[in-house]
Amino acid sequence: IEHANRCGKKILMSGGGRCNFTNTGTTPANFLSANPH
């Protein structure tokens, strides 16, 4: 259920319209949270 008229609007605008869809170096240390684990 999507309230907008199309899905993925923020995906469409991301990365200057080219979508930085992942990062090959992803680790838990690249995230902020009250529970970093």
All heavy atoms as atom14 arrays in JSON, in Angstrom:
{
  "sequence": "IEHANRCGKKILMSGGGRCNFTNTGTTPANFLSANPH",
  "atom14_mask": [
    [1, 1, 1, 1, 1, 1, 1, 1, 0, 0, 0, 0, 0, 0],
    [1, 1, 1, 1, 1, 1, 1, 1, 1, 0, 0, 0, 0, 0],
    [1, 1, 1, 1, 1, 1, 1, 1, 1, 1, 0, 0, 0, 0],
    [1, 1, 1, 1, 1, 0, 0, 0, 0, 0, 0, 0, 0, 0],
    [1, 1, 1, 1, 1, 1, 1, 1, 0, 0, 0, 0, 0, 0],
    [1, 1, 1, 1, 1, 1, 1, 1, 1, 1, 1, 0, 0, 0],
    [1, 1, 1, 1, 1, 1, 0, 0, 0, 0, 0, 0, 0, 0],
    [1, 1, 1, 1, 0, 0, 0, 0, 0, 0, 0, 0, 0, 0],
    [1, 1, 1, 1, 1, 1, 1, 1, 1, 0, 0, 0, 0, 0],
    [1, 1, 1, 1, 1, 1, 1, 1, 1, 0, 0, 0, 0, 0],
    [1, 1, 1, 1, 1, 1, 1, 1, 0, 0, 0, 0, 0, 0],
    [1, 1, 1, 1, 1, 1, 1, 1, 0, 0, 0, 0, 0, 0],
    [1, 1, 1, 1, 1, 1, 1, 1, 0, 0, 0, 0, 0, 0],
    [1, 1, 1, 1, 1, 1, 0, 0, 0, 0, 0, 0, 0, 0],
    [1, 1, 1, 1, 0, 0, 0, 0, 0, 0, 0, 0, 0, 0],
    [1, 1, 1, 1, 0, 0, 0, 0, 0, 0, 0, 0, 0, 0],
    [1, 1, 1, 1, 0, 0, 0, 0, 0, 0, 0, 0, 0, 0],
    [1, 1, 1, 1, 1, 1, 1, 1, 1, 1, 1, 0, 0, 0],
    [1, 1, 1, 1, 1, 1, 0, 0, 0, 0, 0, 0, 0, 0],
    [1, 1, 1, 1, 1, 1, 1, 1, 0, 0, 0, 0, 0, 0],
    [1, 1, 1, 1, 1, 1, 1, 1, 1, 1, 1, 0, 0, 0],
    [1, 1, 1, 1, 1, 1, 1, 0, 0, 0, 0, 0, 0, 0],
    [1, 1, 1, 1, 1, 1, 1, 1, 0, 0, 0, 0, 0, 0],
    [1, 1, 1, 1, 1, 1, 1, 0, 0, 0, 0, 0, 0, 0],
    [1, 1, 1, 1, 0, 0, 0, 0, 0, 0, 0, 0, 0, 0],
    [1, 1, 1, 1, 1, 1, 1, 0, 0, 0, 0, 0, 0, 0],
    [1, 1, 1, 1, 1, 1, 1, 0, 0, 0, 0, 0, 0, 0],
    [1, 1, 1, 1, 1, 1, 1, 0, 0, 0, 0, 0, 0, 0],
    [1, 1, 1, 1, 1, 0, 0, 0, 0, 0, 0, 0, 0, 0],
    [1, 1, 1, 1, 1, 1, 1, 1, 0, 0, 0, 0, 0, 0],
    [1, 1, 1, 1, 1, 1, 1, 1, 1, 1, 1, 0, 0, 0],
    [1, 1, 1, 1, 1, 1, 1, 1, 0, 0, 0, 0, 0, 0],
    [1, 1, 1, 1, 1, 1, 0, 0, 0, 0, 0, 0, 0, 0],
    [1, 1, 1, 1, 1, 0, 0, 0, 0, 0, 0, 0, 0, 0],
    [1, 1, 1, 1, 1, 1, 1, 1, 0, 0, 0, 0, 0, 0],
    [1, 1, 1, 1, 1, 1, 1, 0, 0, 0, 0, 0, 0, 0],
    [1, 1, 1, 1, 1, 1, 1, 1, 1, 1, 0, 0, 0, 0]
  ],
  "atom14_positions": [
    [[0.86, -1.19, 0.0], [0.0, 0.0, 0.0], [0.9, 1.24, 0.0], [1.67, 1.46, 0.95], [-0.93, 0.0, 1.24], [-1.88, -1.2, 1.17], [-1.67, 1.3, 1.36], [-2.68, -1.42, 2.42], [0.0, 0.0, 0.0], [0.0, 0.0, 0.0], [0.0, 0.0, 0.0], [0.0, 0.0, 0.0], [0.0, 0.0, 0.0], [0.0, 0.0, 0.0]],
    [[0.82, 2.02, -1.07], [1.68, 3.21, -1.23], [0.78, 4.44, -1.43], [-0.06, 4.45, -2.32], [2.61, 3.02, -2.44], [3.36, 4.26, -2.89], [4.17, 4.93, -1.79], [4.94, 4.22, -1.1], [4.01, 6.14, -1.61], [0.0, 0.0, 0.0], [0.0, 0.0, 0.0], [0.0, 0.0, 0.0], [0.0, 0.0, 0.0], [0.0, 0.0, 0.0]],
    [[0.96, 5.46, -0.59], [0.06, 6.62, -0.68], [0.38, 7.53, -1.86], [-0.49, 8.25, -2.34], [0.06, 7.41, 0.63], [1.32, 8.16, 0.93], [1.35, 9.35, 1.61], [2.61, 7.87, 0.64], [2.6, 9.77, 1.73], [3.37, 8.88, 1.16], [0.0, 0.0, 0.0], [0.0, 0.0, 0.0], [0.0, 0.0, 0.0], [0.0, 0.0, 0.0]],
    [[1.63, 7.51, -2.35], [1.99, 8.35, -3.49], [1.47, 7.73, -4.79], [1.0, 6.59, -4.81], [3.5, 8.52, -3.56], [0.0, 0.0, 0.0], [0.0, 0.0, 0.0], [0.0, 0.0, 0.0], [0.0, 0.0, 0.0], [0.0, 0.0, 0.0], [0.0, 0.0, 0.0], [0.0, 0.0, 0.0], [0.0, 0.0, 0.0], [0.0, 0.0, 0.0]],
    [[1.6, 8.48, -5.88], [1.06, 7.99, -7.16], [1.99, 7.01, -7.86], [1.67, 6.46, -8.9], [0.73, 9.17, -8.09], [1.96, 10.02, -8.4], [3.03, 9.81, -7.84], [1.79, 10.98, -9.28], [0.0, 0.0, 0.0], [0.0, 0.0, 0.0], [0.0, 0.0, 0.0], [0.0, 0.0, 0.0], [0.0, 0.0, 0.0], [0.0, 0.0, 0.0]],
    [[3.18, 6.81, -7.29], [4.1, 5.8, -7.83], [5.03, 5.34, -6.7], [5.22, 6.04, -5.71], [4.91, 6.36, -9.0], [5.83, 7.5, -8.62], [6.29, 8.29, -9.83], [7.05, 7.46, -10.76], [7.69, 7.94, -11.81], [7.66, 9.23, -12.09], [8.37, 7.15, -12.61], [0.0, 0.0, 0.0], [0.0, 0.0, 0.0], [0.0, 0.0, 0.0]],
    [[5.6, 4.17, -6.89], [6.5, 3.62, -5.87], [7.93, 4.15, -6.06], [8.34, 4.52, -7.17], [6.54, 2.09, -5.96], [5.03, 1.3, -5.37], [0.0, 0.0, 0.0], [0.0, 0.0, 0.0], [0.0, 0.0, 0.0], [0.0, 0.0, 0.0], [0.0, 0.0, 0.0], [0.0, 0.0, 0.0], [0.0, 0.0, 0.0], [0.0, 0.0, 0.0]],
    [[8.67, 4.16, -4.98], [10.1, 4.42, -5.05], [10.51, 5.83, -5.42], [11.52, 6.04, -6.07], [0.0, 0.0, 0.0], [0.0, 0.0, 0.0], [0.0, 0.0, 0.0], [0.0, 0.0, 0.0], [0.0, 0.0, 0.0], [0.0, 0.0, 0.0], [0.0, 0.0, 0.0], [0.0, 0.0, 0.0], [0.0, 0.0, 0.0], [0.0, 0.0, 0.0]],
    [[9.73, 6.83, -4.98], [10.05, 8.21, -5.37], [11.43, 8.66, -4.87], [12.16, 9.36, -5.56], [8.98, 9.17, -4.85], [7.74, 9.21, -5.73], [6.86, 10.4, -5.38], [5.8, 10.63, -6.46], [5.0, 11.85, -6.18], [0.0, 0.0, 0.0], [0.0, 0.0, 0.0], [0.0, 0.0, 0.0], [0.0, 0.0, 0.0], [0.0, 0.0, 0.0]],
    [[11.78, 8.25, -3.64], [13.09, 8.66, -3.12], [14.22, 7.9, -3.83], [15.32, 8.42, -3.97], [13.16, 8.48, -1.6], [12.54, 9.66, -0.85], [12.66, 9.54, 0.64], [14.02, 9.95, 1.13], [14.1, 9.91, 2.61], [0.0, 0.0, 0.0], [0.0, 0.0, 0.0], [0.0, 0.0, 0.0], [0.0, 0.0, 0.0], [0.0, 0.0, 0.0]],
    [[13.94, 6.68, -4.28], [14.94, 5.95, -5.07], [15.21, 6.73, -6.36], [16.36, 6.91, -6.77], [14.45, 4.52, -5.43], [14.12, 3.72, -4.17], [15.5, 3.8, -6.28], [13.5, 2.35, -4.46], [0.0, 0.0, 0.0], [0.0, 0.0, 0.0], [0.0, 0.0, 0.0], [0.0, 0.0, 0.0], [0.0, 0.0, 0.0], [0.0, 0.0, 0.0]],
    [[14.13, 7.2, -6.99], [14.25, 7.89, -8.28], [15.13, 9.14, -8.18], [15.9, 9.43, -9.09], [12.86, 8.27, -8.81], [11.97, 7.11, -9.24], [10.56, 7.59, -9.53], [12.55, 6.41, -10.46], [0.0, 0.0, 0.0], [0.0, 0.0, 0.0], [0.0, 0.0, 0.0], [0.0, 0.0, 0.0], [0.0, 0.0, 0.0], [0.0, 0.0, 0.0]],
    [[15.03, 9.88, -7.08], [15.78, 11.12, -6.96], [17.18, 10.9, -6.38], [18.01, 11.8, -6.4], [15.02, 12.13, -6.09], [14.92, 11.72, -4.63], [14.3, 13.07, -3.61], [15.67, 14.18, -3.62], [0.0, 0.0, 0.0], [0.0, 0.0, 0.0], [0.0, 0.0, 0.0], [0.0, 0.0, 0.0], [0.0, 0.0, 0.0], [0.0, 0.0, 0.0]],
    [[17.46, 9.7, -5.88], [18.71, 9.47, -5.16], [19.92, 9.47, -6.11], [19.8, 9.14, -7.29], [18.66, 8.14, -4.41], [18.66, 7.07, -5.33], [0.0, 0.0, 0.0], [0.0, 0.0, 0.0], [0.0, 0.0, 0.0], [0.0, 0.0, 0.0], [0.0, 0.0, 0.0], [0.0, 0.0, 0.0], [0.0, 0.0, 0.0], [0.0, 0.0, 0.0]],
    [[21.05, 9.83, -5.55], [22.3, 9.8, -6.32], [22.24, 10.64, -7.58], [22.79, 10.26, -8.61], [0.0, 0.0, 0.0], [0.0, 0.0, 0.0], [0.0, 0.0, 0.0], [0.0, 0.0, 0.0], [0.0, 0.0, 0.0], [0.0, 0.0, 0.0], [0.0, 0.0, 0.0], [0.0, 0.0, 0.0], [0.0, 0.0, 0.0], [0.0, 0.0, 0.0]],
    [[21.56, 11.79, -7.48], [21.45, 12.66, -8.64], [20.74, 11.99, -9.8], [21.04, 12.26, -10.97], [0.0, 0.0, 0.0], [0.0, 0.0, 0.0], [0.0, 0.0, 0.0], [0.0, 0.0, 0.0], [0.0, 0.0, 0.0], [0.0, 0.0, 0.0], [0.0, 0.0, 0.0], [0.0, 0.0, 0.0], [0.0, 0.0, 0.0], [0.0, 0.0, 0.0]],
    [[19.78, 11.08, -9.47], [19.03, 10.38, -10.51], [19.69, 9.1, -10.99], [19.2, 8.44, -11.91], [0.0, 0.0, 0.0], [0.0, 0.0, 0.0], [0.0, 0.0, 0.0], [0.0, 0.0, 0.0], [0.0, 0.0, 0.0], [0.0, 0.0, 0.0], [0.0, 0.0, 0.0], [0.0, 0.0, 0.0], [0.0, 0.0, 0.0], [0.0, 0.0, 0.0]],
    [[20.82, 8.73, -10.33], [21.51, 7.49, -10.74], [21.5, 6.42, -9.65], [21.97, 5.32, -9.89], [22.96, 7.81, -11.13], [23.04, 8.57, -12.46], [24.14, 8.01, -13.33], [24.06, 8.51, -14.7], [24.93, 9.35, -15.23], [25.94, 9.8, -14.5], [24.81, 9.73, -16.47], [0.0, 0.0, 0.0], [0.0, 0.0, 0.0], [0.0, 0.0, 0.0]],
    [[20.98, 6.74, -8.46], [20.8, 5.79, -7.37], [22.09, 5.1, -6.91], [22.57, 4.16, -7.54], [19.77, 4.72, -7.7], [19.36, 3.69, -6.26], [0.0, 0.0, 0.0], [0.0, 0.0, 0.0], [0.0, 0.0, 0.0], [0.0, 0.0, 0.0], [0.0, 0.0, 0.0], [0.0, 0.0, 0.0], [0.0, 0.0, 0.0], [0.0, 0.0, 0.0]],
    [[22.61, 5.58, -5.79], [23.77, 4.94, -5.15], [23.22, 3.76, -4.35], [22.97, 3.85, -3.16], [24.46, 5.98, -4.25], [25.65, 5.47, -3.48], [26.14, 6.16, -2.58], [26.11, 4.27, -3.79], [0.0, 0.0, 0.0], [0.0, 0.0, 0.0], [0.0, 0.0, 0.0], [0.0, 0.0, 0.0], [0.0, 0.0, 0.0], [0.0, 0.0, 0.0]],
    [[23.02, 2.61, -5.06], [22.16, 1.54, -4.54], [22.8, 0.66, -3.46], [22.09, -0.07, -2.78], [21.61, 0.69, -5.69], [22.66, 0.09, -6.6], [23.37, -1.03, -6.22], [22.91, 0.64, -7.85], [24.32, -1.6, -7.05], [23.86, 0.08, -8.69], [24.58, -1.04, -8.29], [0.0, 0.0, 0.0], [0.0, 0.0, 0.0], [0.0, 0.0, 0.0]],
    [[24.11, 0.7, -3.31], [24.74, 0.0, -2.18], [26.15, 0.52, -2.01], [26.62, 1.36, -2.78], [24.75, -1.54, -2.36], [25.14, -2.15, -1.11], [25.73, -2.0, -3.44], [0.0, 0.0, 0.0], [0.0, 0.0, 0.0], [0.0, 0.0, 0.0], [0.0, 0.0, 0.0], [0.0, 0.0, 0.0], [0.0, 0.0, 0.0], [0.0, 0.0, 0.0]],
    [[26.82, 0.0, -1.0], [28.24, 0.29, -0.8], [28.95, -1.04, -0.52], [28.57, -1.77, 0.39], [28.44, 1.25, 0.37], [29.85, 1.8, 0.41], [30.81, 1.04, 0.56], [29.99, 3.11, 0.26], [0.0, 0.0, 0.0], [0.0, 0.0, 0.0], [0.0, 0.0, 0.0], [0.0, 0.0, 0.0], [0.0, 0.0, 0.0], [0.0, 0.0, 0.0]],
    [[29.98, -1.32, -1.33], [30.66, -2.62, -1.23], [31.38, -2.79, 0.11], [31.69, -3.91, 0.5], [31.69, -2.79, -2.36], [32.61, -1.69, -2.31], [31.01, -2.82, -3.71], [0.0, 0.0, 0.0], [0.0, 0.0, 0.0], [0.0, 0.0, 0.0], [0.0, 0.0, 0.0], [0.0, 0.0, 0.0], [0.0, 0.0, 0.0], [0.0, 0.0, 0.0]],
    [[31.62, -1.69, 0.8], [32.34, -1.76, 2.08], [31.44, -1.71, 3.3], [31.89, -1.38, 4.4], [0.0, 0.0, 0.0], [0.0, 0.0, 0.0], [0.0, 0.0, 0.0], [0.0, 0.0, 0.0], [0.0, 0.0, 0.0], [0.0, 0.0, 0.0], [0.0, 0.0, 0.0], [0.0, 0.0, 0.0], [0.0, 0.0, 0.0], [0.0, 0.0, 0.0]],
    [[30.16, -2.05, 3.12], [29.2, -1.92, 4.23], [29.59, -2.78, 5.44], [29.81, -3.99, 5.3], [27.79, -2.32, 3.76], [27.41, -1.48, 2.67], [26.78, -2.16, 4.89], [0.0, 0.0, 0.0], [0.0, 0.0, 0.0], [0.0, 0.0, 0.0], [0.0, 0.0, 0.0], [0.0, 0.0, 0.0], [0.0, 0.0, 0.0], [0.0, 0.0, 0.0]],
    [[29.65, -2.15, 6.61], [29.83, -2.86, 7.89], [28.88, -2.21, 8.9], [28.41, -1.09, 8.7], [31.27, -2.72, 8.44], [31.46, -1.38, 8.91], [32.32, -3.04, 7.39], [0.0, 0.0, 0.0], [0.0, 0.0, 0.0], [0.0, 0.0, 0.0], [0.0, 0.0, 0.0], [0.0, 0.0, 0.0], [0.0, 0.0, 0.0], [0.0, 0.0, 0.0]],
    [[28.63, -2.89, 10.02], [27.78, -2.28, 11.05], [28.33, -0.95, 11.57], [27.56, -0.11, 12.03], [27.76, -3.34, 12.16], [27.97, -4.63, 11.43], [28.95, -4.3, 10.34], [0.0, 0.0, 0.0], [0.0, 0.0, 0.0], [0.0, 0.0, 0.0], [0.0, 0.0, 0.0], [0.0, 0.0, 0.0], [0.0, 0.0, 0.0], [0.0, 0.0, 0.0]],
    [[29.64, -0.74, 11.45], [30.25, 0.51, 11.93], [29.81, 1.72, 11.11], [30.04, 2.86, 11.52], [31.76, 0.39, 11.9], [0.0, 0.0, 0.0], [0.0, 0.0, 0.0], [0.0, 0.0, 0.0], [0.0, 0.0, 0.0], [0.0, 0.0, 0.0], [0.0, 0.0, 0.0], [0.0, 0.0, 0.0], [0.0, 0.0, 0.0], [0.0, 0.0, 0.0]],
    [[29.18, 1.49, 9.96], [28.73, 2.6, 9.1], [27.32, 3.07, 9.45], [26.72, 3.83, 8.68], [28.76, 2.18, 7.62], [30.13, 1.72, 7.17], [30.31, 0.57, 6.77], [31.11, 2.6, 7.23], [0.0, 0.0, 0.0], [0.0, 0.0, 0.0], [0.0, 0.0, 0.0], [0.0, 0.0, 0.0], [0.0, 0.0, 0.0], [0.0, 0.0, 0.0]],
    [[26.8, 2.64, 10.61], [25.43, 2.97, 10.99], [25.36, 3.56, 12.39], [26.16, 3.21, 13.25], [24.54, 1.72, 10.92], [24.39, 1.19, 9.52], [25.35, 0.34, 8.98], [23.32, 1.56, 8.72], [25.25, -0.13, 7.67], [23.21, 1.09, 7.41], [24.17, 0.25, 6.9], [0.0, 0.0, 0.0], [0.0, 0.0, 0.0], [0.0, 0.0, 0.0]],
    [[24.4, 4.44, 12.6], [24.14, 5.02, 13.92], [22.83, 4.45, 14.45], [21.85, 4.35, 13.71], [23.99, 6.54, 13.85], [25.2, 7.39, 13.54], [25.41, 7.5, 12.04], [25.01, 8.79, 14.11], [0.0, 0.0, 0.0], [0.0, 0.0, 0.0], [0.0, 0.0, 0.0], [0.0, 0.0, 0.0], [0.0, 0.0, 0.0], [0.0, 0.0, 0.0]],
    [[22.82, 4.11, 15.74], [21.61, 3.6, 16.38], [21.86, 3.62, 17.88], [23.01, 3.54, 18.32], [21.33, 2.16, 15.93], [20.27, 1.59, 16.67], [0.0, 0.0, 0.0], [0.0, 0.0, 0.0], [0.0, 0.0, 0.0], [0.0, 0.0, 0.0], [0.0, 0.0, 0.0], [0.0, 0.0, 0.0], [0.0, 0.0, 0.0], [0.0, 0.0, 0.0]],
    [[20.78, 3.73, 18.67], [20.94, 3.63, 20.12], [21.5, 2.26, 20.49], [22.18, 2.11, 21.5], [19.6, 3.87, 20.82], [0.0, 0.0, 0.0], [0.0, 0.0, 0.0], [0.0, 0.0, 0.0], [0.0, 0.0, 0.0], [0.0, 0.0, 0.0], [0.0, 0.0, 0.0], [0.0, 0.0, 0.0], [0.0, 0.0, 0.0], [0.0, 0.0, 0.0]],
    [[21.21, 1.25, 19.64], [21.8, -0.09, 19.82], [22.65, -0.4, 18.59], [22.13, -0.88, 17.57], [20.71, -1.15, 19.98], [21.31, -2.56, 20.05], [22.53, -2.74, 20.06], [20.45, -3.56, 20.07], [0.0, 0.0, 0.0], [0.0, 0.0, 0.0], [0.0, 0.0, 0.0], [0.0, 0.0, 0.0], [0.0, 0.0, 0.0], [0.0, 0.0, 0.0]],
    [[23.96, -0.13, 18.65], [24.81, -0.32, 17.47], [24.92, -1.77, 17.0], [25.39, -2.04, 15.9], [26.17, 0.22, 17.9], [26.15, 0.27, 19.39], [24.71, 0.41, 19.8], [0.0, 0.0, 0.0], [0.0, 0.0, 0.0], [0.0, 0.0, 0.0], [0.0, 0.0, 0.0], [0.0, 0.0, 0.0], [0.0, 0.0, 0.0], [0.0, 0.0, 0.0]],
    [[24.47, -2.72, 17.84], [24.55, -4.14, 17.47], [23.33, -4.59, 16.65], [23.36, -5.64, 16.01], [24.65, -5.02, 18.72], [25.84, -4.71, 19.57], [27.13, -4.99, 19.17], [25.94, -4.09, 20.77], [27.97, -4.58, 20.1], [27.27, -4.03, 21.07], [0.0, 0.0, 0.0], [0.0, 0.0, 0.0], [0.0, 0.0, 0.0], [0.0, 0.0, 0.0]]
  ]
}
